């Protein structure tokens, strides 16, 4: 006849600790659907940023702002060189003289 093992509180707590350690390392936690979607969105943004003609790419936005500054400077210099605000009065003055001379 073989002797049956005696179960004590110490042996139970040791067995529970061993099972909790093995269950904690048994399976890796799978990513959730929202984590997967977020990683896909990040990947799409990274790929789209590398497309040369993408207007929303950070480098293209910097180029756009720099070009906008250059164009603003250019048109301000045109306005300074020729006062477009006075164009209407100059135009009306000379057109009226030409029309009176033709009649």
PDB file of N, CA and C in Angstrom:
ATOM      1  N   UNK A   1       0.818  -1.151   0.000  1.00  0.00           N
ATOM      2  CA  UNK A   1       0.000   0.000   0.000  1.00  0.00           C
ATOM      3  C   UNK A   1       0.879   1.236   0.000  1.00  0.00           C
ATOM      4  N   UNK A   2       0.503   2.166  -0.855  1.00  0.00           N
ATOM      5  CA  UNK A   2       1.319   3.375  -0.918  1.00  0.00           C
ATOM      6  C   UNK A   2       0.694   4.450  -0.046  1.00  0.00           C
ATOM      7  N   UNK A   3       1.547   5.276   0.454  1.00  0.00           N
ATOM      8  CA  UNK A   3       1.073   6.351   1.326  1.00  0.00           C
ATOM      9  C   UNK A   3       0.568   7.503   0.472  1.00  0.00           C
ATOM     10  N   UNK A   4      -0.614   7.997   0.790  1.00  0.00           N
ATOM     11  CA  UNK A   4      -1.171   9.107   0.052  1.00  0.00           C
ATOM     12  C   UNK A   4      -0.616  10.413   0.619  1.00  0.00           C
ATOM     13  N   UNK A   5      -0.360  11.406  -0.282  1.00  0.00           N
ATOM     14  CA  UNK A   5       0.188  12.667   0.203  1.00  0.00           C
ATOM     15  C   UNK A   5      -0.843  13.408   1.049  1.00  0.00           C
ATOM     16  N   UNK A   6      -0.341  14.075   2.022  1.00  0.00           N
ATOM     17  CA  UNK A   6      -1.195  14.858   2.903  1.00  0.00           C
ATOM     18  C   UNK A   6      -1.232  16.291   2.364  1.00  0.00           C
ATOM     19  N   UNK A   7      -2.421  16.835   2.214  1.00  0.00           N
ATOM     20  CA  UNK A   7      -2.581  18.200   1.704  1.00  0.00           C
ATOM     21  C   UNK A   7      -2.687  19.140   2.888  1.00  0.00           C
ATOM     22  N   UNK A   8      -1.776  20.076   2.933  1.00  0.00           N
ATOM     23  CA  UNK A   8      -1.774  21.068   3.999  1.00  0.00           C
ATOM     24  C   UNK A   8      -1.967  22.453   3.386  1.00  0.00           C
ATOM     25  N   UNK A   9      -2.145  23.460   4.226  1.00  0.00           N
ATOM     26  CA  UNK A   9      -2.318  24.829   3.729  1.00  0.00           C
ATOM     27  C   UNK A   9      -1.066  25.321   3.012  1.00  0.00           C
ATOM     28  N   UNK A  10       0.096  24.933   3.496  1.00  0.00           N
ATOM     29  CA  UNK A  10       1.340  25.341   2.838  1.00  0.00           C
ATOM     30  C   UNK A  10       1.441  24.761   1.439  1.00  0.00           C
ATOM     31  N   UNK A  11       1.071  23.527   1.271  1.00  0.00           N
ATOM     32  CA  UNK A  11       1.161  22.913  -0.048  1.00  0.00           C
ATOM     33  C   UNK A  11       0.143  23.538  -1.006  1.00  0.00           C
ATOM     34  N   UNK A  12      -1.033  23.924  -0.511  1.00  0.00           N
ATOM     35  CA  UNK A  12      -2.032  24.587  -1.344  1.00  0.00           C
ATOM     36  C   UNK A  12      -1.552  25.963  -1.805  1.00  0.00           C
ATOM     37  N   UNK A  13      -1.004  26.748  -0.894  1.00  0.00           N
ATOM     38  CA  UNK A  13      -0.534  28.081  -1.271  1.00  0.00           C
ATOM     39  C   UNK A  13       0.627  27.990  -2.251  1.00  0.00           C
ATOM     40  N   UNK A  14       1.493  26.994  -2.103  1.00  0.00           N
ATOM     41  CA  UNK A  14       2.604  26.811  -3.038  1.00  0.00           C
ATOM     42  C   UNK A  14       2.071  26.424  -4.415  1.00  0.00           C
ATOM     43  N   UNK A  15       1.086  25.554  -4.457  1.00  0.00           N
ATOM     44  CA  UNK A  15       0.506  25.126  -5.729  1.00  0.00           C
ATOM     45  C   UNK A  15      -0.201  26.288  -6.422  1.00  0.00           C
ATOM     46  N   UNK A  16      -0.900  27.120  -5.664  1.00  0.00           N
ATOM     47  CA  UNK A  16      -1.584  28.273  -6.246  1.00  0.00           C
ATOM     48  C   UNK A  16      -0.582  29.284  -6.786  1.00  0.00           C
ATOM     49  N   UNK A  17       0.495  29.509  -6.084  1.00  0.00           N
ATOM     50  CA  UNK A  17       1.526  30.443  -6.552  1.00  0.00           C
ATOM     51  C   UNK A  17       2.163  29.936  -7.829  1.00  0.00           C
ATOM     52  N   UNK A  18       2.430  28.627  -7.900  1.00  0.00           N
ATOM     53  CA  UNK A  18       3.016  28.046  -9.108  1.00  0.00           C
ATOM     54  C   UNK A  18       2.072  28.165 -10.292  1.00  0.00           C
ATOM     55  N   UNK A  19       0.785  27.943 -10.065  1.00  0.00           N
ATOM     56  CA  UNK A  19      -0.170  28.021 -11.178  1.00  0.00           C
ATOM     57  C   UNK A  19      -0.362  29.463 -11.642  1.00  0.00           C
ATOM     58  N   UNK A  20      -0.309  30.440 -10.724  1.00  0.00           N
ATOM     59  CA  UNK A  20      -0.474  31.834 -11.144  1.00  0.00           C
ATOM     60  C   UNK A  20       0.741  32.307 -11.934  1.00  0.00           C
ATOM     61  N   UNK A  21       1.934  31.833 -11.585  1.00  0.00           N
ATOM     62  CA  UNK A  21       3.132  32.194 -12.361  1.00  0.00           C
ATOM     63  C   UNK A  21       3.076  31.585 -13.751  1.00  0.00           C
ATOM     64  N   UNK A  22       2.656  30.372 -13.857  1.00  0.00           N
ATOM     65  CA  UNK A  22       2.621  29.715 -15.163  1.00  0.00           C
ATOM     66  C   UNK A  22       1.511  30.292 -16.042  1.00  0.00           C
ATOM     67  N   UNK A  23       0.378  30.706 -15.454  1.00  0.00           N
ATOM     68  CA  UNK A  23      -0.694  31.275 -16.263  1.00  0.00           C
ATOM     69  C   UNK A  23      -0.358  32.690 -16.715  1.00  0.00           C
ATOM     70  N   UNK A  24       0.463  33.395 -15.946  1.00  0.00           N
ATOM     71  CA  UNK A  24       0.822  34.760 -16.318  1.00  0.00           C
ATOM     72  C   UNK A  24       1.760  34.774 -17.520  1.00  0.00           C
ATOM     73  N   UNK A  25       2.563  33.766 -17.685  1.00  0.00           N
ATOM     74  CA  UNK A  25       3.511  33.716 -18.798  1.00  0.00           C
ATOM     75  C   UNK A  25       3.068  32.768 -19.888  1.00  0.00           C
ATOM     76  N   UNK A  26       1.895  32.181 -19.763  1.00  0.00           N
ATOM     77  CA  UNK A  26       1.466  31.174 -20.720  1.00  0.00           C
ATOM     78  C   UNK A  26       1.163  31.777 -22.084  1.00  0.00           C
ATOM     79  N   UNK A  27       0.289  32.783 -22.166  1.00  0.00           N
ATOM     80  CA  UNK A  27      -0.115  33.348 -23.455  1.00  0.00           C
ATOM     81  C   UNK A  27       0.130  34.849 -23.473  1.00  0.00           C
ATOM     82  N   UNK A  28       0.684  35.333 -24.568  1.00  0.00           N
ATOM     83  CA  UNK A  28       0.832  36.788 -24.668  1.00  0.00           C
ATOM     84  C   UNK A  28      -0.540  37.416 -24.893  1.00  0.00           C
ATOM     85  N   UNK A  29      -0.685  38.642 -24.444  1.00  0.00           N
ATOM     86  CA  UNK A  29      -1.954  39.336 -24.597  1.00  0.00           C
ATOM     87  C   UNK A  29      -2.092  39.815 -26.035  1.00  0.00           C
ATOM     88  N   UNK A  30      -3.218  39.520 -26.645  1.00  0.00           N
ATOM     89  CA  UNK A  30      -3.463  39.915 -28.031  1.00  0.00           C
ATOM     90  C   UNK A  30      -3.894  41.373 -28.081  1.00  0.00           C
ATOM     91  N   UNK A  31      -3.499  42.075 -29.152  1.00  0.00           N
ATOM     92  CA  UNK A  31      -3.919  43.477 -29.263  1.00  0.00           C
ATOM     93  C   UNK A  31      -5.421  43.563 -29.516  1.00  0.00           C
ATOM     94  N   UNK A  32      -5.998  44.620 -29.019  1.00  0.00           N
ATOM     95  CA  UNK A  32      -7.426  44.818 -29.235  1.00  0.00           C
ATOM     96  C   UNK A  32      -7.664  45.401 -30.613  1.00  0.00           C
ATOM     97  N   UNK A  33      -8.909  45.445 -31.006  1.00  0.00           N
ATOM     98  CA  UNK A  33      -9.264  45.961 -32.329  1.00  0.00           C
ATOM     99  C   UNK A  33      -8.913  47.441 -32.454  1.00  0.00           C
ATOM    100  N   UNK A  34      -9.149  48.198 -31.394  1.00  0.00           N
ATOM    101  CA  UNK A  34      -8.838  49.630 -31.457  1.00  0.00           C
ATOM    102  C   UNK A  34      -7.327  49.856 -31.558  1.00  0.00           C
ATOM    103  N   UNK A  35      -6.519  49.018 -30.886  1.00  0.00           N
ATOM    104  CA  UNK A  35      -5.067  49.131 -31.010  1.00  0.00           C
ATOM    105  C   UNK A  35      -4.622  48.819 -32.436  1.00  0.00           C
ATOM    106  N   UNK A  36      -5.241  47.808 -33.037  1.00  0.00           N
ATOM    107  CA  UNK A  36      -4.895  47.442 -34.411  1.00  0.00           C
ATOM    108  C   UNK A  36      -5.271  48.556 -35.379  1.00  0.00           C
ATOM    109  N   UNK A  37      -6.453  49.129 -35.186  1.00  0.00           N
ATOM    110  CA  UNK A  37      -6.875  50.221 -36.071  1.00  0.00           C
ATOM    111  C   UNK A  37      -5.978  51.437 -35.921  1.00  0.00           C
ATOM    112  N   UNK A  38      -5.576  51.743 -34.686  1.00  0.00           N
ATOM    113  CA  UNK A  38      -4.693  52.887 -34.463  1.00  0.00           C
ATOM    114  C   UNK A  38      -3.341  52.668 -35.123  1.00  0.00           C
ATOM    115  N   UNK A  39      -2.818  51.449 -35.024  1.00  0.00           N
ATOM    116  CA  UNK A  39      -1.525  51.186 -35.655  1.00  0.00           C
ATOM    117  C   UNK A  39      -1.642  51.248 -37.174  1.00  0.00           C
ATOM    118  N   UNK A  40      -2.782  50.817 -37.730  1.00  0.00           N
ATOM    119  CA  UNK A  40      -2.985  50.936 -39.184  1.00  0.00           C
ATOM    120  C   UNK A  40      -3.088  52.398 -39.608  1.00  0.00           C
ATOM    121  N   UNK A  41      -3.781  53.211 -38.837  1.00  0.00           N
ATOM    122  CA  UNK A  41      -3.878  54.638 -39.155  1.00  0.00           C
ATOM    123  C   UNK A  41      -2.515  55.310 -39.094  1.00  0.00           C
ATOM    124  N   UNK A  42      -1.704  54.936 -38.104  1.00  0.00           N
ATOM    125  CA  UNK A  42      -0.349  55.491 -38.012  1.00  0.00           C
ATOM    126  C   UNK A  42       0.486  55.095 -39.219  1.00  0.00           C
ATOM    127  N   UNK A  43       0.337  53.845 -39.652  1.00  0.00           N
ATOM    128  CA  UNK A  43       1.078  53.369 -40.820  1.00  0.00           C
ATOM    129  C   UNK A  43       0.636  54.103 -42.080  1.00  0.00           C
ATOM    130  N   UNK A  44      -0.659  54.321 -42.224  1.00  0.00           N
ATOM    131  CA  UNK A  44      -1.177  55.035 -43.395  1.00  0.00           C
ATOM    132  C   UNK A  44      -0.660  56.472 -43.422  1.00  0.00           C
ATOM    133  N   UNK A  45      -0.647  57.130 -42.269  1.00  0.00           N
ATOM    134  CA  UNK A  45      -0.133  58.501 -42.196  1.00  0.00           C
ATOM    135  C   UNK A  45       1.346  58.558 -42.548  1.00  0.00           C
ATOM    136  N   UNK A  46       2.113  57.565 -42.086  1.00  0.00           N
ATOM    137  CA  UNK A  46       3.546  57.540 -42.376  1.00  0.00           C
ATOM    138  C   UNK A  46       3.792  57.339 -43.867  1.00  0.00           C
ATOM    139  N   UNK A  47       3.017  56.471 -44.488  1.00  0.00           N
ATOM    140  CA  UNK A  47       3.177  56.227 -45.928  1.00  0.00           C
ATOM    141  C   UNK A  47       2.723  57.450 -46.716  1.00  0.00           C
ATOM    142  N   UNK A  48       1.608  58.052 -46.312  1.00  0.00           N
ATOM    143  CA  UNK A  48       1.093  59.224 -47.033  1.00  0.00           C
ATOM    144  C   UNK A  48       2.039  60.414 -46.916  1.00  0.00           C
ATOM    145  N   UNK A  49       2.757  60.522 -45.819  1.00  0.00           N
ATOM    146  CA  UNK A  49       3.700  61.636 -45.655  1.00  0.00           C
ATOM    147  C   UNK A  49       4.868  61.530 -46.620  1.00  0.00           C
ATOM    148  N   UNK A  50       5.133  60.330 -47.119  1.00  0.00           N
ATOM    149  CA  UNK A  50       6.247  60.130 -48.048  1.00  0.00           C
ATOM    150  C   UNK A  50       5.863  60.339 -49.505  1.00  0.00           C
ATOM    151  N   UNK A  51       4.568  60.482 -49.797  1.00  0.00           N
ATOM    152  CA  UNK A  51       4.130  60.698 -51.174  1.00  0.00           C
ATOM    153  C   UNK A  51       4.510  62.121 -51.575  1.00  0.00           C
ATOM    154  N   UNK A  52       5.218  62.295 -52.690  1.00  0.00           N
ATOM    155  CA  UNK A  52       5.703  63.627 -53.064  1.00  0.00           C
ATOM    156  C   UNK A  52       4.613  64.665 -53.299  1.00  0.00           C
ATOM    157  N   UNK A  53       3.474  64.284 -53.824  1.00  0.00           N
ATOM    158  CA  UNK A  53       2.448  65.273 -54.166  1.00  0.00           C
ATOM    159  C   UNK A  53       1.408  65.456 -53.069  1.00  0.00           C
ATOM    160  N   UNK A  54       1.606  64.871 -51.922  1.00  0.00           N
ATOM    161  CA  UNK A  54       0.645  64.986 -50.834  1.00  0.00           C
ATOM    162  C   UNK A  54       0.714  66.383 -50.221  1.00  0.00           C
ATOM    163  N   UNK A  55      -0.384  67.119 -50.277  1.00  0.00           N
ATOM    164  CA  UNK A  55      -0.409  68.485 -49.755  1.00  0.00           C
ATOM    165  C   UNK A  55      -0.368  68.525 -48.240  1.00  0.00           C
ATOM    166  N   UNK A  56      -0.738  67.434 -47.588  1.00  0.00           N
ATOM    167  CA  UNK A  56      -0.773  67.403 -46.135  1.00  0.00           C
ATOM    168  C   UNK A  56       0.538  66.919 -45.520  1.00  0.00           C
ATOM    169  N   UNK A  57       1.518  66.566 -46.336  1.00  0.00           N
ATOM    170  CA  UNK A  57       2.809  66.132 -45.807  1.00  0.00           C
ATOM    171  C   UNK A  57       3.493  67.317 -45.126  1.00  0.00           C
ATOM    172  N   UNK A  58       4.148  67.101 -44.006  1.00  0.00           N
ATOM    173  CA  UNK A  58       4.772  68.212 -43.275  1.00  0.00           C
ATOM    174  C   UNK A  58       5.769  69.009 -44.108  1.00  0.00           C
ATOM    175  N   UNK A  59       6.570  68.341 -44.920  1.00  0.00           N
ATOM    176  CA  UNK A  59       7.571  69.065 -45.725  1.00  0.00           C
ATOM    177  C   UNK A  59       6.878  69.934 -46.770  1.00  0.00           C
ATOM    178  N   UNK A  60       5.791  69.427 -47.348  1.00  0.00           N
ATOM    179  CA  UNK A  60       5.076  70.204 -48.356  1.00  0.00           C
ATOM    180  C   UNK A  60       4.343  71.384 -47.729  1.00  0.00           C
ATOM    181  N   UNK A  61       3.888  71.237 -46.509  1.00  0.00           N
ATOM    182  CA  UNK A  61       3.260  72.369 -45.817  1.00  0.00           C
ATOM    183  C   UNK A  61       4.288  73.460 -45.539  1.00  0.00           C
ATOM    184  N   UNK A  62       5.516  73.061 -45.188  1.00  0.00           N
ATOM    185  CA  UNK A  62       6.571  74.065 -44.979  1.00  0.00           C
ATOM    186  C   UNK A  62       6.882  74.786 -46.285  1.00  0.00           C
ATOM    187  N   UNK A  63       6.953  74.037 -47.393  1.00  0.00           N
ATOM    188  CA  UNK A  63       7.200  74.664 -48.698  1.00  0.00           C
ATOM    189  C   UNK A  63       6.072  75.613 -49.067  1.00  0.00           C
ATOM    190  N   UNK A  64       4.840  75.217 -48.760  1.00  0.00           N
ATOM    191  CA  UNK A  64       3.692  76.052 -49.086  1.00  0.00           C
ATOM    192  C   UNK A  64       3.743  77.371 -48.316  1.00  0.00           C
ATOM    193  N   UNK A  65       4.073  77.296 -47.014  1.00  0.00           N
ATOM    194  CA  UNK A  65       4.155  78.521 -46.210  1.00  0.00           C
ATOM    195  C   UNK A  65       5.286  79.425 -46.708  1.00  0.00           C
ATOM    196  N   UNK A  66       6.412  78.835 -47.077  1.00  0.00           N
ATOM    197  CA  UNK A  66       7.525  79.639 -47.590  1.00  0.00           C
ATOM    198  C   UNK A  66       7.144  80.287 -48.918  1.00  0.00           C
ATOM    199  N   UNK A  67       6.468  79.543 -49.789  1.00  0.00           N
ATOM    200  CA  UNK A  67       6.038  80.093 -51.072  1.00  0.00           C
ATOM    201  C   UNK A  67       5.010  81.201 -50.865  1.00  0.00           C
ATOM    202  N   UNK A  68       4.139  81.018 -49.896  1.00  0.00           N
ATOM    203  CA  UNK A  68       3.134  82.041 -49.600  1.00  0.00           C
ATOM    204  C   UNK A  68       3.799  83.333 -49.148  1.00  0.00           C
ATOM    205  N   UNK A  69       4.843  83.250 -48.343  1.00  0.00           N
ATOM    206  CA  UNK A  69       5.559  84.446 -47.898  1.00  0.00           C
ATOM    207  C   UNK A  69       6.222  85.146 -49.076  1.00  0.00           C
ATOM    208  N   UNK A  70       6.814  84.370 -49.964  1.00  0.00           N
ATOM    209  CA  UNK A  70       7.470  84.952 -51.144  1.00  0.00           C
ATOM    210  C   UNK A  70       6.447  85.667 -52.015  1.00  0.00           C
ATOM    211  N   UNK A  71       5.279  85.038 -52.216  1.00  0.00           N
ATOM    212  CA  UNK A  71       4.254  85.659 -53.058  1.00  0.00           C
ATOM    213  C   UNK A  71       3.673  86.911 -52.399  1.00  0.00           C
ATOM    214  N   UNK A  72       3.502  86.898 -51.088  1.00  0.00           N
ATOM    215  CA  UNK A  72       3.023  88.099 -50.398  1.00  0.00           C
ATOM    216  C   UNK A  72       3.999  89.249 -50.572  1.00  0.00           C
ATOM    217  N   UNK A  73       5.278  88.961 -50.437  1.00  0.00           N
ATOM    218  CA  UNK A  73       6.305  89.993 -50.626  1.00  0.00           C
ATOM    219  C   UNK A  73       6.274  90.525 -52.055  1.00  0.00           C
ATOM    220  N   UNK A  74       6.123  89.639 -53.017  1.00  0.00           N
ATOM    221  CA  UNK A  74       6.089  90.038 -54.415  1.00  0.00           C
ATOM    222  C   UNK A  74       4.904  90.961 -54.699  1.00  0.00           C
ATOM    223  N   UNK A  75       3.721  90.581 -54.261  1.00  0.00           N
ATOM    224  CA  UNK A  75       2.544  91.396 -54.551  1.00  0.00           C
ATOM    225  C   UNK A  75       2.549  92.705 -53.773  1.00  0.00           C
ATOM    226  N   UNK A  76       3.127  92.722 -52.590  1.00  0.00           N
ATOM    227  CA  UNK A  76       3.256  93.997 -51.872  1.00  0.00           C
ATOM    228  C   UNK A  76       4.209  94.926 -52.616  1.00  0.00           C
ATOM    229  N   UNK A  77       5.255  94.368 -53.190  1.00  0.00           N
ATOM    230  CA  UNK A  77       6.176  95.207 -53.958  1.00  0.00           C
ATOM    231  C   UNK A  77       5.503  95.735 -55.221  1.00  0.00           C
ATOM    232  N   UNK A  78       4.633  94.933 -55.835  1.00  0.00           N
ATOM    233  CA  UNK A  78       3.878  95.414 -56.996  1.00  0.00           C
ATOM    234  C   UNK A  78       2.941  96.553 -56.604  1.00  0.00           C
ATOM    235  N   UNK A  79       2.306  96.417 -55.467  1.00  0.00           N
ATOM    236  CA  UNK A  79       1.396  97.467 -55.010  1.00  0.00           C
ATOM    237  C   UNK A  79       2.158  98.748 -54.694  1.00  0.00           C
ATOM    238  N   UNK A  80       3.363  98.597 -54.164  1.00  0.00           N
ATOM    239  CA  UNK A  80       4.179  99.779 -53.877  1.00  0.00           C
ATOM    240  C   UNK A  80       4.654 100.427 -55.174  1.00  0.00           C
ATOM    241  N   UNK A  81       5.012  99.630 -56.166  1.00  0.00           N
ATOM    242  CA  UNK A  81       5.503 100.165 -57.432  1.00  0.00           C
ATOM    243  C   UNK A  81       4.391 100.858 -58.219  1.00  0.00           C
ATOM    244  N   UNK A  82       3.214 100.307 -58.191  1.00  0.00           N
ATOM    245  CA  UNK A  82       2.081 100.905 -58.903  1.00  0.00           C
ATOM    246  C   UNK A  82       0.893 100.929 -57.951  1.00  0.00           C
ATOM    247  N   UNK A  83       0.405 102.094 -57.592  1.00  0.00           N
ATOM    248  CA  UNK A  83      -0.693 102.200 -56.619  1.00  0.00           C
ATOM    249  C   UNK A  83      -2.031 101.797 -57.246  1.00  0.00           C
ATOM    250  N   UNK A  84      -2.388 100.537 -57.089  1.00  0.00           N
ATOM    251  CA  UNK A  84      -3.631 100.036 -57.668  1.00  0.00           C
ATOM    252  C   UNK A  84      -4.859 100.690 -57.065  1.00  0.00           C
ATOM    253  N   UNK A  85      -4.748 101.250 -55.893  1.00  0.00           N
ATOM    254  CA  UNK A  85      -5.888 101.929 -55.284  1.00  0.00           C
ATOM    255  C   UNK A  85      -6.276 103.169 -56.069  1.00  0.00           C
ATOM    256  N   UNK A  86      -5.297 103.771 -56.736  1.00  0.00           N
ATOM    257  CA  UNK A  86      -5.561 104.978 -57.517  1.00  0.00           C
ATOM    258  C   UNK A  86      -5.891 104.663 -58.972  1.00  0.00           C
ATOM    259  N   UNK A  87      -5.897 103.422 -59.336  1.00  0.00           N
ATOM    260  CA  UNK A  87      -6.113 103.018 -60.726  1.00  0.00           C
ATOM    261  C   UNK A  87      -7.475 103.486 -61.254  1.00  0.00           C
ATOM    262  N   UNK A  88      -8.489 103.376 -60.446  1.00  0.00           N
ATOM    263  CA  UNK A  88      -9.827 103.759 -60.893  1.00  0.00           C
ATOM    264  C   UNK A  88      -9.895 105.248 -61.247  1.00  0.00           C
ATOM    265  N   UNK A  89      -9.332 106.105 -60.415  1.00  0.00           N
ATOM    266  CA  UNK A  89      -9.398 107.545 -60.702  1.00  0.00           C
ATOM    267  C   UNK A  89      -8.571 107.901 -61.931  1.00  0.00           C
ATOM    268  N   UNK A  90      -7.418 107.312 -62.075  1.00  0.00           N
ATOM    269  CA  UNK A  90      -6.567 107.571 -63.244  1.00  0.00           C
ATOM    270  C   UNK A  90      -7.257 107.069 -64.506  1.00  0.00           C
ATOM    271  N   UNK A  91      -7.820 105.898 -64.436  1.00  0.00           N
ATOM    272  CA  UNK A  91      -8.506 105.316 -65.584  1.00  0.00           C
ATOM    273  C   UNK A  91      -9.694 106.185 -66.001  1.00  0.00           C
ATOM    274  N   UNK A  92     -10.521 106.552 -65.036  1.00  0.00           N
ATOM    275  CA  UNK A  92     -11.703 107.365 -65.363  1.00  0.00           C
ATOM    276  C   UNK A  92     -11.306 108.723 -65.931  1.00  0.00           C
ATOM    277  N   UNK A  93     -10.262 109.327 -65.416  1.00  0.00           N
ATOM    278  CA  UNK A  93      -9.833 110.631 -65.896  1.00  0.00           C
ATOM    279  C   UNK A  93      -9.409 110.559 -67.360  1.00  0.00           C
ATOM    280  N   UNK A  94      -8.615 109.575 -67.724  1.00  0.00           N
ATOM    281  CA  UNK A  94      -8.103 109.492 -69.100  1.00  0.00           C
ATOM    282  C   UNK A  94      -9.135 108.929 -70.073  1.00  0.00           C
ATOM    283  N   UNK A  95      -9.961 108.026 -69.638  1.00  0.00           N
ATOM    284  CA  UNK A  95     -10.992 107.493 -70.528  1.00  0.00           C
ATOM    285  C   UNK A  95     -12.015 108.557 -70.839  1.00  0.00           C
ATOM    286  N   UNK A  96     -12.403 109.354 -69.859  1.00  0.00           N
ATOM    287  CA  UNK A  96     -13.358 110.423 -70.097  1.00  0.00           C
ATOM    288  C   UNK A  96     -12.805 111.438 -71.085  1.00  0.00           C
ATOM    289  N   UNK A  97     -11.514 111.747 -70.999  1.00  0.00           N
ATOM    290  CA  UNK A  97     -10.902 112.708 -71.934  1.00  0.00           C
ATOM    291  C   UNK A  97     -10.899 112.143 -73.345  1.00  0.00           C
ATOM    292  N   UNK A  98     -10.595 110.860 -73.488  1.00  0.00           N
ATOM    293  CA  UNK A  98     -10.577 110.238 -74.811  1.00  0.00           C
ATOM    294  C   UNK A  98     -11.966 110.192 -75.408  1.00  0.00           C
ATOM    295  N   UNK A  99     -12.973 109.880 -74.590  1.00  0.00           N
ATOM    296  CA  UNK A  99     -14.348 109.822 -75.084  1.00  0.00           C
ATOM    297  C   UNK A  99     -14.838 111.207 -75.500  1.00  0.00           C
ATOM    298  N   UNK A 100     -14.474 112.261 -74.775  1.00  0.00           N
ATOM    299  CA  UNK A 100     -14.891 113.613 -75.137  1.00  0.00           C
ATOM    300  C   UNK A 100     -14.191 114.074 -76.398  1.00  0.00           C
ATOM    301  N   UNK A 101     -12.958 113.665 -76.603  1.00  0.00           N
ATOM    302  CA  UNK A 101     -12.208 114.041 -77.784  1.00  0.00           C
ATOM    303  C   UNK A 101     -12.716 113.355 -79.024  1.00  0.00           C
ATOM    304  N   UNK A 102     -13.282 112.160 -78.916  1.00  0.00           N
ATOM    305  CA  UNK A 102     -13.782 111.418 -80.060  1.00  0.00           C
ATOM    306  C   UNK A 102     -15.124 111.950 -80.528  1.00  0.00           C
ATOM    307  N   UNK A 103     -15.926 112.526 -79.659  1.00  0.00           N
ATOM    308  CA  UNK A 103     -17.279 112.975 -80.024  1.00  0.00           C
ATOM    309  C   UNK A 103     -17.268 114.260 -80.755  1.00  0.00           C
TER     310      UNK A 103
END
